[in-house]
Amino acid sequence: MLGGLVIAQGMVRASRLLAIDTGDVRADHGVPGEGTFDPSFGCPALWIDPASRDHAISEGFMCVDPGTVIATHANQELLNNSDRLLGPSEVRAMIDDLKDRAPALIEAVHPDPLSLAALTRIFRALIADGIGLAHPQPLLTSLALALQKTQDFDALIDAVRADLGARLVARICGPGERLKVVTLDAALEGAILGGMVDPGTGQPLIEPDTGSMIAERVNTAIEEAGSPVALIVQPPARRALASLLRQRASRCQVLSINELPATQGVEVVAVIGAEPAPPAGLPTPELEAA
């Protein structure tokens, strides 16, 4: 529970081990057990008798005890909800820590024009977007620069993300590597941007069937690529699609075209909503970011 609300739940078999298939197990492995899924990462798994542990390991399973299953799942859910754990007290401590090292930077941000409550709201939004606060000085520098142009909440978030684009890309792509990219067909993206809008947030509303199709195609692209991918979209569509895929396709980083570093090479591995890909053997379409 978090804040009195249940954020995750499940059942464990106290007298058994969870044998997790991380992708190396043969279909005819022959290990007996009760079928389930690893609650932390969604991998196929079996609850097995401890006596079958050596057999399961030899077949490629990773075996963990129930206590480890609970601890790993709890840790994963806390990470997934880490933005909700940040409050004004934590932000105040971070600001106080930076005052001695970068007093001019703090003066440019807090308390004018951003109050403690406003800073907390911005930091929580950035954490939810996958930007951690372990190194707050570069983040605050980006925020100070963005404040020279706007004080609109959404515009500040977009400006900070664009300035920290290289950090976002580095989460799924190593130095010198080409970023594997998924895009939306122009017609599909246009339909999302031209459709209904949430009156409370001003963000596009994605129809359930469309959302399920996008998540399915993204997960297929991740499986075929064998690695995380980035969904590159127009800036107005980023937030809605990031929210859609945060739980359904956690290995996909949703970036706006403005957040892609100019020097980052990319490889388009799928176009969602377009005609089926050409037969194997034909060149894979590639795109260099301008």
C-alpha atoms as a PDB file:
ATOM      1  CA  MET A   1       0.000   0.000   0.000  1.00  0.00           C
ATOM      2  CA  LEU A   2       1.058   3.570  -0.655  1.00  0.00           C
ATOM      3  CA  GLY A   3      -0.807   6.448   0.915  1.00  0.00           C
ATOM      4  CA  GLY A   4      -3.572   4.078   1.980  1.00  0.00           C
ATOM      5  CA  LEU A   5      -4.081   2.753  -1.567  1.00  0.00           C
ATOM      6  CA  VAL A   6      -3.236  -0.724  -2.835  1.00  0.00           C
ATOM      7  CA  ILE A   7      -0.729  -0.311  -5.694  1.00  0.00           C
ATOM      8  CA  ALA A   8       0.040  -4.013  -6.229  1.00  0.00           C
ATOM      9  CA  GLN A   9      -0.988  -7.397  -4.944  1.00  0.00           C
ATOM     10  CA  GLY A  10      -0.357 -11.071  -5.618  1.00  0.00           C
ATOM     11  CA  MET A  11      -0.116 -14.546  -4.165  1.00  0.00           C
ATOM     12  CA  VAL A  12       3.013 -16.474  -3.243  1.00  0.00           C
ATOM     13  CA  ARG A  13       3.466 -20.158  -2.527  1.00  0.00           C
ATOM     14  CA  ALA A  14       5.343 -20.104   0.767  1.00  0.00           C
ATOM     15  CA  SER A  15       6.661 -23.660   0.491  1.00  0.00           C
ATOM     16  CA  ARG A  16       7.793 -23.396  -3.136  1.00  0.00           C
ATOM     17  CA  LEU A  17      10.331 -21.615  -5.318  1.00  0.00           C
ATOM     18  CA  LEU A  18       9.552 -19.338  -8.247  1.00  0.00           C
ATOM     19  CA  ALA A  19      11.350 -20.569 -11.371  1.00  0.00           C
ATOM     20  CA  ILE A  20      11.491 -17.629 -13.801  1.00  0.00           C
ATOM     21  CA  ASP A  21      11.977 -18.023 -17.541  1.00  0.00           C
ATOM     22  CA  THR A  22      14.157 -15.063 -18.549  1.00  0.00           C
ATOM     23  CA  GLY A  23      14.202 -16.172 -22.178  1.00  0.00           C
ATOM     24  CA  ASP A  24      16.625 -19.112 -22.199  1.00  0.00           C
ATOM     25  CA  VAL A  25      14.243 -21.984 -21.375  1.00  0.00           C
ATOM     26  CA  ARG A  26      13.217 -24.550 -24.008  1.00  0.00           C
ATOM     27  CA  ALA A  27       9.493 -25.162 -24.583  1.00  0.00           C
ATOM     28  CA  ASP A  28       9.952 -28.879 -23.736  1.00  0.00           C
ATOM     29  CA  HIS A  29      11.973 -28.316 -20.554  1.00  0.00           C
ATOM     30  CA  GLY A  30       9.978 -30.893 -18.567  1.00  0.00           C
ATOM     31  CA  VAL A  31      10.112 -29.024 -15.239  1.00  0.00           C
ATOM     32  CA  PRO A  32       6.855 -29.654 -13.318  1.00  0.00           C
ATOM     33  CA  GLY A  33       5.168 -26.727 -11.625  1.00  0.00           C
ATOM     34  CA  GLU A  34       2.258 -24.326 -11.387  1.00  0.00           C
ATOM     35  CA  GLY A  35       2.272 -21.789 -14.215  1.00  0.00           C
ATOM     36  CA  THR A  36       2.322 -18.095 -13.339  1.00  0.00           C
ATOM     37  CA  PHE A  37       4.221 -14.885 -14.141  1.00  0.00           C
ATOM     38  CA  ASP A  38       7.008 -13.088 -12.319  1.00  0.00           C
ATOM     39  CA  PRO A  39       5.151 -10.137 -10.723  1.00  0.00           C
ATOM     40  CA  SER A  40       8.057  -7.712 -11.091  1.00  0.00           C
ATOM     41  CA  PHE A  41       8.836  -8.007 -14.801  1.00  0.00           C
ATOM     42  CA  GLY A  42       6.067 -10.171 -16.254  1.00  0.00           C
ATOM     43  CA  CYS A  43       8.279 -13.087 -17.322  1.00  0.00           C
ATOM     44  CA  PRO A  44       6.683 -16.569 -17.565  1.00  0.00           C
ATOM     45  CA  ALA A  45       7.369 -18.574 -14.408  1.00  0.00           C
ATOM     46  CA  LEU A  46       6.536 -21.711 -12.464  1.00  0.00           C
ATOM     47  CA  TRP A  47       6.006 -22.336  -8.776  1.00  0.00           C
ATOM     48  CA  ILE A  48       8.083 -25.475  -8.256  1.00  0.00           C
ATOM     49  CA  ASP A  49       8.929 -27.862  -5.455  1.00  0.00           C
ATOM     50  CA  PRO A  50      12.342 -27.016  -3.910  1.00  0.00           C
ATOM     51  CA  ALA A  51      13.488 -30.508  -4.843  1.00  0.00           C
ATOM     52  CA  SER A  52      13.217 -29.526  -8.536  1.00  0.00           C
ATOM     53  CA  ARG A  53      15.528 -26.529  -8.139  1.00  0.00           C
ATOM     54  CA  ASP A  54      18.646 -28.098  -9.692  1.00  0.00           C
ATOM     55  CA  HIS A  55      16.628 -29.476 -12.602  1.00  0.00           C
ATOM     56  CA  ALA A  56      15.041 -26.061 -13.210  1.00  0.00           C
ATOM     57  CA  ILE A  57      18.404 -24.267 -13.112  1.00  0.00           C
ATOM     58  CA  SER A  58      19.901 -26.760 -15.574  1.00  0.00           C
ATOM     59  CA  GLU A  59      17.021 -25.963 -17.946  1.00  0.00           C
ATOM     60  CA  GLY A  60      17.734 -22.243 -17.777  1.00  0.00           C
ATOM     61  CA  PHE A  61      15.274 -21.068 -15.106  1.00  0.00           C
ATOM     62  CA  MET A  62      16.261 -18.527 -12.476  1.00  0.00           C
ATOM     63  CA  CYS A  63      14.991 -19.783  -9.115  1.00  0.00           C
ATOM     64  CA  VAL A  64      14.138 -17.443  -6.245  1.00  0.00           C
ATOM     65  CA  ASP A  65      12.525 -17.973  -2.866  1.00  0.00           C
ATOM     66  CA  PRO A  66       9.154 -16.382  -1.921  1.00  0.00           C
ATOM     67  CA  GLY A  67      10.774 -13.739   0.288  1.00  0.00           C
ATOM     68  CA  THR A  68      12.916 -12.532  -2.597  1.00  0.00           C
ATOM     69  CA  VAL A  69       9.861 -12.465  -4.886  1.00  0.00           C
ATOM     70  CA  ILE A  70       8.031 -10.210  -2.422  1.00  0.00           C
ATOM     71  CA  ALA A  71      11.034  -7.939  -1.833  1.00  0.00           C
ATOM     72  CA  THR A  72      11.776  -7.556  -5.553  1.00  0.00           C
ATOM     73  CA  HIS A  73       8.155  -6.847  -6.377  1.00  0.00           C
ATOM     74  CA  ALA A  74       7.864  -4.286  -3.574  1.00  0.00           C
ATOM     75  CA  ASN A  75      11.066  -2.567  -4.719  1.00  0.00           C
ATOM     76  CA  GLN A  76       9.858  -2.482  -8.331  1.00  0.00           C
ATOM     77  CA  GLU A  77       6.513  -0.959  -7.361  1.00  0.00           C
ATOM     78  CA  LEU A  78       8.247   1.670  -5.229  1.00  0.00           C
ATOM     79  CA  LEU A  79      10.436   2.560  -8.221  1.00  0.00           C
ATOM     80  CA  ASN A  80       7.369   2.728 -10.457  1.00  0.00           C
ATOM     81  CA  ASN A  81       5.689   5.065  -7.976  1.00  0.00           C
ATOM     82  CA  SER A  82       8.769   6.950  -6.793  1.00  0.00           C
ATOM     83  CA  ASP A  83       7.310  10.298  -7.869  1.00  0.00           C
ATOM     84  CA  ARG A  84       4.598   9.869  -5.244  1.00  0.00           C
ATOM     85  CA  LEU A  85       7.231   9.460  -2.523  1.00  0.00           C
ATOM     86  CA  LEU A  86       8.715  12.898  -3.123  1.00  0.00           C
ATOM     87  CA  GLY A  87       7.364  15.667  -0.909  1.00  0.00           C
ATOM     88  CA  PRO A  88       8.227  19.262   0.023  1.00  0.00           C
ATOM     89  CA  SER A  89      10.541  18.114   2.827  1.00  0.00           C
ATOM     90  CA  GLU A  90      12.740  16.138   0.415  1.00  0.00           C
ATOM     91  CA  VAL A  91      12.813  19.021  -2.069  1.00  0.00           C
ATOM     92  CA  ARG A  92      13.707  21.474   0.720  1.00  0.00           C
ATOM     93  CA  ALA A  93      16.617  19.240   1.787  1.00  0.00           C
ATOM     94  CA  MET A  94      17.884  19.072  -1.795  1.00  0.00           C
ATOM     95  CA  ILE A  95      17.677  22.859  -2.203  1.00  0.00           C
ATOM     96  CA  ASP A  96      19.455  23.463   1.102  1.00  0.00           C
ATOM     97  CA  ASP A  97      22.223  21.040   0.095  1.00  0.00           C
ATOM     98  CA  LEU A  98      22.829  22.919  -3.170  1.00  0.00           C
ATOM     99  CA  LYS A  99      22.774  26.423  -1.668  1.00  0.00           C
ATOM    100  CA  ASP A 100      26.406  26.288  -0.575  1.00  0.00           C
ATOM    101  CA  ARG A 101      27.683  24.882  -3.877  1.00  0.00           C
ATOM    102  CA  ALA A 102      25.515  26.784  -6.345  1.00  0.00           C
ATOM    103  CA  PRO A 103      23.825  29.726  -4.597  1.00  0.00           C
ATOM    104  CA  ALA A 104      23.225  31.715  -7.807  1.00  0.00           C
ATOM    105  CA  LEU A 105      21.530  28.729  -9.406  1.00  0.00           C
ATOM    106  CA  ILE A 106      19.145  28.325  -6.473  1.00  0.00           C
ATOM    107  CA  GLU A 107      18.380  32.055  -6.471  1.00  0.00           C
ATOM    108  CA  ALA A 108      17.406  31.832 -10.155  1.00  0.00           C
ATOM    109  CA  VAL A 109      14.814  29.163  -9.396  1.00  0.00           C
ATOM    110  CA  HIS A 110      13.594  29.405  -5.784  1.00  0.00           C
ATOM    111  CA  PRO A 111      11.728  30.980  -4.042  1.00  0.00           C
ATOM    112  CA  ASP A 112      11.049  33.294  -6.989  1.00  0.00           C
ATOM    113  CA  PRO A 113       9.701  32.407  -9.489  1.00  0.00           C
ATOM    114  CA  LEU A 114       9.043  28.866  -8.207  1.00  0.00           C
ATOM    115  CA  SER A 115       7.684  28.230  -4.727  1.00  0.00           C
ATOM    116  CA  LEU A 116       8.521  25.027  -2.848  1.00  0.00           C
ATOM    117  CA  ALA A 117       5.147  23.579  -3.870  1.00  0.00           C
ATOM    118  CA  ALA A 118       5.741  24.434  -7.531  1.00  0.00           C
ATOM    119  CA  LEU A 119       9.227  22.901  -7.454  1.00  0.00           C
ATOM    120  CA  THR A 120       7.864  19.754  -5.856  1.00  0.00           C
ATOM    121  CA  ARG A 121       5.218  19.437  -8.560  1.00  0.00           C
ATOM    122  CA  ILE A 122       7.811  19.852 -11.328  1.00  0.00           C
ATOM    123  CA  PHE A 123      10.225  17.349  -9.780  1.00  0.00           C
ATOM    124  CA  ARG A 124       7.470  14.801  -9.307  1.00  0.00           C
ATOM    125  CA  ALA A 125       6.503  15.144 -12.971  1.00  0.00           C
ATOM    126  CA  LEU A 126      10.124  14.698 -14.057  1.00  0.00           C
ATOM    127  CA  ILE A 127      10.547  11.593 -11.885  1.00  0.00           C
ATOM    128  CA  ALA A 128       7.364  10.134 -13.381  1.00  0.00           C
ATOM    129  CA  ASP A 129       8.944  10.773 -16.791  1.00  0.00           C
ATOM    130  CA  GLY A 130      12.015   8.772 -15.824  1.00  0.00           C
ATOM    131  CA  ILE A 131      14.372  11.626 -14.927  1.00  0.00           C
ATOM    132  CA  GLY A 132      15.974  10.916 -11.560  1.00  0.00           C
ATOM    133  CA  LEU A 133      17.144  13.441  -8.979  1.00  0.00           C
ATOM    134  CA  ALA A 134      20.418  11.747  -8.098  1.00  0.00           C
ATOM    135  CA  HIS A 135      22.278  14.617  -9.806  1.00  0.00           C
ATOM    136  CA  PRO A 136      19.991  17.632  -9.331  1.00  0.00           C
ATOM    137  CA  GLN A 137      22.382  20.415 -10.377  1.00  0.00           C
ATOM    138  CA  PRO A 138      22.178  19.786 -14.174  1.00  0.00           C
ATOM    139  CA  LEU A 139      18.416  19.437 -13.854  1.00  0.00           C
ATOM    140  CA  LEU A 140      18.095  22.737 -12.002  1.00  0.00           C
ATOM    141  CA  THR A 141      20.370  24.399 -14.540  1.00  0.00           C
ATOM    142  CA  SER A 142      18.040  23.267 -17.330  1.00  0.00           C
ATOM    143  CA  LEU A 143      15.069  24.469 -15.308  1.00  0.00           C
ATOM    144  CA  ALA A 144      16.664  27.886 -14.737  1.00  0.00           C
ATOM    145  CA  LEU A 145      17.255  28.280 -18.469  1.00  0.00           C
ATOM    146  CA  ALA A 146      13.673  27.254 -19.259  1.00  0.00           C
ATOM    147  CA  LEU A 147      12.343  29.803 -16.769  1.00  0.00           C
ATOM    148  CA  GLN A 148      13.886  32.561 -18.897  1.00  0.00           C
ATOM    149  CA  LYS A 149      11.291  31.734 -21.556  1.00  0.00           C
ATOM    150  CA  THR A 150       8.190  30.506 -19.734  1.00  0.00           C
ATOM    151  CA  GLN A 151       6.615  29.672 -16.404  1.00  0.00           C
ATOM    152  CA  ASP A 152       3.938  27.406 -17.866  1.00  0.00           C
ATOM    153  CA  PHE A 153       4.115  24.014 -16.150  1.00  0.00           C
ATOM    154  CA  ASP A 154       3.836  21.801 -19.249  1.00  0.00           C
ATOM    155  CA  ALA A 155       6.199  24.006 -21.245  1.00  0.00           C
ATOM    156  CA  LEU A 156       8.794  23.853 -18.441  1.00  0.00           C
ATOM    157  CA  ILE A 157       8.663  20.057 -18.356  1.00  0.00           C
ATOM    158  CA  ASP A 158       9.063  19.856 -22.137  1.00  0.00           C
ATOM    159  CA  ALA A 159      11.953  22.347 -22.126  1.00  0.00           C
ATOM    160  CA  VAL A 160      13.838  20.524 -19.360  1.00  0.00           C
ATOM    161  CA  ARG A 161      13.354  17.166 -21.093  1.00  0.00           C
ATOM    162  CA  ALA A 162      14.610  18.597 -24.390  1.00  0.00           C
ATOM    163  CA  ASP A 163      17.699  19.986 -22.677  1.00  0.00           C
ATOM    164  CA  LEU A 164      18.358  16.625 -21.019  1.00  0.00           C
ATOM    165  CA  GLY A 165      17.632  14.588 -24.149  1.00  0.00           C
ATOM    166  CA  ALA A 166      21.046  12.892 -24.162  1.00  0.00           C
ATOM    167  CA  ARG A 167      20.427  11.616 -20.626  1.00  0.00           C
ATOM    168  CA  LEU A 168      17.058  10.186 -21.684  1.00  0.00           C
ATOM    169  CA  VAL A 169      18.546   8.412 -24.700  1.00  0.00           C
ATOM    170  CA  ALA A 170      21.402   7.014 -22.584  1.00  0.00           C
ATOM    171  CA  ARG A 171      18.888   5.016 -20.541  1.00  0.00           C
ATOM    172  CA  ILE A 172      18.365   2.610 -23.468  1.00  0.00           C
ATOM    173  CA  CYS A 173      21.244   3.273 -25.889  1.00  0.00           C
ATOM    174  CA  GLY A 174      24.974   3.044 -25.258  1.00  0.00           C
ATOM    175  CA  PRO A 175      27.554   5.592 -26.456  1.00  0.00           C
ATOM    176  CA  GLY A 176      28.115   5.362 -30.213  1.00  0.00           C
ATOM    177  CA  GLU A 177      25.184   3.007 -30.742  1.00  0.00           C
ATOM    178  CA  ARG A 178      22.272   3.691 -33.056  1.00  0.00           C
ATOM    179  CA  LEU A 179      19.015   4.196 -31.179  1.00  0.00           C
ATOM    180  CA  LYS A 180      16.351   1.687 -32.196  1.00  0.00           C
ATOM    181  CA  VAL A 181      13.252   3.708 -32.951  1.00  0.00           C
ATOM    182  CA  VAL A 182       9.539   3.103 -33.441  1.00  0.00           C
ATOM    183  CA  THR A 183       7.399   5.798 -35.033  1.00  0.00           C
ATOM    184  CA  LEU A 184       3.704   6.320 -35.666  1.00  0.00           C
ATOM    185  CA  ASP A 185       2.304   6.473 -39.161  1.00  0.00           C
ATOM    186  CA  ALA A 186       1.447  10.084 -40.041  1.00  0.00           C
ATOM    187  CA  ALA A 187      -2.253   9.270 -40.327  1.00  0.00           C
ATOM    188  CA  LEU A 188      -2.365   7.575 -36.915  1.00  0.00           C
ATOM    189  CA  GLU A 189      -0.436  10.362 -35.201  1.00  0.00           C
ATOM    190  CA  GLY A 190      -2.649  12.946 -36.898  1.00  0.00           C
ATOM    191  CA  ALA A 191      -5.766  11.134 -35.684  1.00  0.00           C
ATOM    192  CA  ILE A 192      -4.457  11.157 -32.092  1.00  0.00           C
ATOM    193  CA  LEU A 193      -3.578  14.847 -32.210  1.00  0.00           C
ATOM    194  CA  GLY A 194      -6.805  15.778 -33.946  1.00  0.00           C
ATOM    195  CA  GLY A 195      -9.059  13.700 -31.685  1.00  0.00           C
ATOM    196  CA  MET A 196     -10.643  14.335 -28.318  1.00  0.00           C
ATOM    197  CA  VAL A 197      -8.732  16.190 -25.621  1.00  0.00           C
ATOM    198  CA  ASP A 198      -8.855  15.735 -21.845  1.00  0.00           C
ATOM    199  CA  PRO A 199     -10.357  19.019 -20.606  1.00  0.00           C
ATOM    200  CA  GLY A 200      -8.468  18.732 -17.330  1.00  0.00           C
ATOM    201  CA  THR A 201      -4.968  18.280 -18.751  1.00  0.00           C
ATOM    202  CA  GLY A 202      -5.287  19.442 -22.342  1.00  0.00           C
ATOM    203  CA  GLN A 203      -3.673  16.168 -23.444  1.00  0.00           C
ATOM    204  CA  PRO A 204      -4.956  13.983 -26.318  1.00  0.00           C
ATOM    205  CA  LEU A 205      -7.274  11.138 -25.351  1.00  0.00           C
ATOM    206  CA  ILE A 206      -6.297   7.852 -26.979  1.00  0.00           C
ATOM    207  CA  GLU A 207      -9.147   5.434 -27.729  1.00  0.00           C
ATOM    208  CA  PRO A 208      -8.806   2.095 -25.864  1.00  0.00           C
ATOM    209  CA  ASP A 209      -8.593  -0.019 -29.033  1.00  0.00           C
ATOM    210  CA  THR A 210      -5.977   2.306 -30.498  1.00  0.00           C
ATOM    211  CA  GLY A 211      -4.014   2.288 -27.251  1.00  0.00           C
ATOM    212  CA  SER A 212      -4.036  -1.513 -27.082  1.00  0.00           C
ATOM    213  CA  MET A 213      -2.881  -1.752 -30.700  1.00  0.00           C
ATOM    214  CA  ILE A 214      -0.012   0.681 -30.134  1.00  0.00           C
ATOM    215  CA  ALA A 215       1.134  -1.126 -26.968  1.00  0.00           C
ATOM    216  CA  GLU A 216       0.972  -4.498 -28.739  1.00  0.00           C
ATOM    217  CA  ARG A 217       2.973  -3.255 -31.723  1.00  0.00           C
ATOM    218  CA  VAL A 218       5.560  -1.601 -29.482  1.00  0.00           C
ATOM    219  CA  ASN A 219       6.049  -4.787 -27.467  1.00  0.00           C
ATOM    220  CA  THR A 220       6.388  -6.760 -30.699  1.00  0.00           C
ATOM    221  CA  ALA A 221       9.052  -4.315 -31.887  1.00  0.00           C
ATOM    222  CA  ILE A 222      10.925  -4.682 -28.582  1.00  0.00           C
ATOM    223  CA  GLU A 223      10.805  -8.478 -28.862  1.00  0.00           C
ATOM    224  CA  GLU A 224      12.004  -8.461 -32.477  1.00  0.00           C
ATOM    225  CA  ALA A 225      14.736  -5.901 -31.784  1.00  0.00           C
ATOM    226  CA  GLY A 226      15.922  -7.820 -28.735  1.00  0.00           C
ATOM    227  CA  SER A 227      16.446  -4.581 -26.845  1.00  0.00           C
ATOM    228  CA  PRO A 228      14.573  -1.513 -25.573  1.00  0.00           C
ATOM    229  CA  VAL A 229      13.305   0.936 -28.180  1.00  0.00           C
ATOM    230  CA  ALA A 230      12.254   4.575 -28.291  1.00  0.00           C
ATOM    231  CA  LEU A 231       8.907   5.727 -29.637  1.00  0.00           C
ATOM    232  CA  ILE A 232       9.548   9.083 -31.339  1.00  0.00           C
ATOM    233  CA  VAL A 233       6.495  11.336 -31.661  1.00  0.00           C
ATOM    234  CA  GLN A 234       5.505  14.961 -32.108  1.00  0.00           C
ATOM    235  CA  PRO A 235       5.767  16.994 -28.868  1.00  0.00           C
ATOM    236  CA  PRO A 236       1.989  17.387 -28.290  1.00  0.00           C
ATOM    237  CA  ALA A 237       1.526  13.603 -28.356  1.00  0.00           C
ATOM    238  CA  ARG A 238       4.416  12.635 -26.090  1.00  0.00           C
ATOM    239  CA  ARG A 239       2.816  12.927 -22.677  1.00  0.00           C
ATOM    240  CA  ALA A 240      -0.333  10.962 -23.564  1.00  0.00           C
ATOM    241  CA  LEU A 241       1.638   8.159 -25.223  1.00  0.00           C
ATOM    242  CA  ALA A 242       4.171   8.028 -22.384  1.00  0.00           C
ATOM    243  CA  SER A 243       1.331   7.602 -19.908  1.00  0.00           C
ATOM    244  CA  LEU A 244      -0.206   4.883 -22.094  1.00  0.00           C
ATOM    245  CA  LEU A 245       3.002   2.856 -22.383  1.00  0.00           C
ATOM    246  CA  ARG A 246       4.463   3.387 -18.905  1.00  0.00           C
ATOM    247  CA  GLN A 247       2.912   0.165 -17.589  1.00  0.00           C
ATOM    248  CA  ARG A 248       2.097  -1.636 -20.845  1.00  0.00           C
ATOM    249  CA  ALA A 249       5.536  -1.393 -22.456  1.00  0.00           C
ATOM    250  CA  SER A 250       8.033  -0.388 -19.784  1.00  0.00           C
ATOM    251  CA  ARG A 251      11.031  -1.053 -22.048  1.00  0.00           C
ATOM    252  CA  CYS A 252       9.913   1.672 -24.431  1.00  0.00           C
ATOM    253  CA  GLN A 253      11.149   5.221 -23.917  1.00  0.00           C
ATOM    254  CA  VAL A 254       8.697   7.767 -25.370  1.00  0.00           C
ATOM    255  CA  LEU A 255      10.528  10.815 -26.709  1.00  0.00           C
ATOM    256  CA  SER A 256       9.389  13.832 -28.649  1.00  0.00           C
ATOM    257  CA  ILE A 257      11.370  14.677 -31.749  1.00  0.00           C
ATOM    258  CA  ASN A 258      12.659  17.750 -29.881  1.00  0.00           C
ATOM    259  CA  GLU A 259      14.295  15.531 -27.253  1.00  0.00           C
ATOM    260  CA  LEU A 260      16.385  13.532 -29.711  1.00  0.00           C
ATOM    261  CA  PRO A 261      20.005  14.838 -29.685  1.00  0.00           C
ATOM    262  CA  ALA A 262      21.054  16.194 -33.072  1.00  0.00           C
ATOM    263  CA  THR A 263      24.060  13.856 -33.241  1.00  0.00           C
ATOM    264  CA  GLN A 264      22.179  10.678 -32.262  1.00  0.00           C
ATOM    265  CA  GLY A 265      21.992   8.103 -35.043  1.00  0.00           C
ATOM    266  CA  VAL A 266      18.789   6.084 -35.128  1.00  0.00           C
ATOM    267  CA  GLU A 267      17.409   2.997 -36.838  1.00  0.00           C
ATOM    268  CA  VAL A 268      13.679   2.787 -37.471  1.00  0.00           C
ATOM    269  CA  VAL A 269      12.594  -0.763 -36.603  1.00  0.00           C
ATOM    270  CA  ALA A 270       8.817  -0.314 -36.925  1.00  0.00           C
ATOM    271  CA  VAL A 271       6.204   2.166 -38.108  1.00  0.00           C
ATOM    272  CA  ILE A 272       2.928   1.658 -36.233  1.00  0.00           C
ATOM    273  CA  GLY A 273      -0.210   2.085 -38.308  1.00  0.00           C
ATOM    274  CA  ALA A 274       1.614   1.759 -41.623  1.00  0.00           C
ATOM    275  CA  GLU A 275       1.420  -1.062 -44.143  1.00  0.00           C
ATOM    276  CA  PRO A 276       3.186  -4.322 -43.177  1.00  0.00           C
ATOM    277  CA  ALA A 277       6.957  -4.254 -43.391  1.00  0.00           C
ATOM    278  CA  PRO A 278       8.638  -5.488 -46.633  1.00  0.00           C
ATOM    279  CA  PRO A 279       9.733  -9.127 -46.796  1.00  0.00           C
ATOM    280  CA  ALA A 280      12.922 -10.150 -45.043  1.00  0.00           C
ATOM    281  CA  GLY A 281      16.021  -9.424 -47.076  1.00  0.00           C
ATOM    282  CA  LEU A 282      15.048  -5.939 -48.123  1.00  0.00           C
ATOM    283  CA  PRO A 283      16.967  -3.054 -46.555  1.00  0.00           C
ATOM    284  CA  THR A 284      15.741  -1.893 -43.153  1.00  0.00           C
ATOM    285  CA  PRO A 285      14.718   1.768 -43.286  1.00  0.00           C
ATOM    286  CA  GLU A 286      17.102   4.000 -41.379  1.00  0.00           C
ATOM    287  CA  LEU A 287      16.901   7.597 -40.360  1.00  0.00           C
ATOM    288  CA  GLU A 288      19.567   9.966 -39.180  1.00  0.00           C
ATOM    289  CA  ALA A 289      18.309  12.587 -36.778  1.00  0.00           C
ATOM    290  CA  ALA A 290      18.706  16.041 -38.230  1.00  0.00           C
END
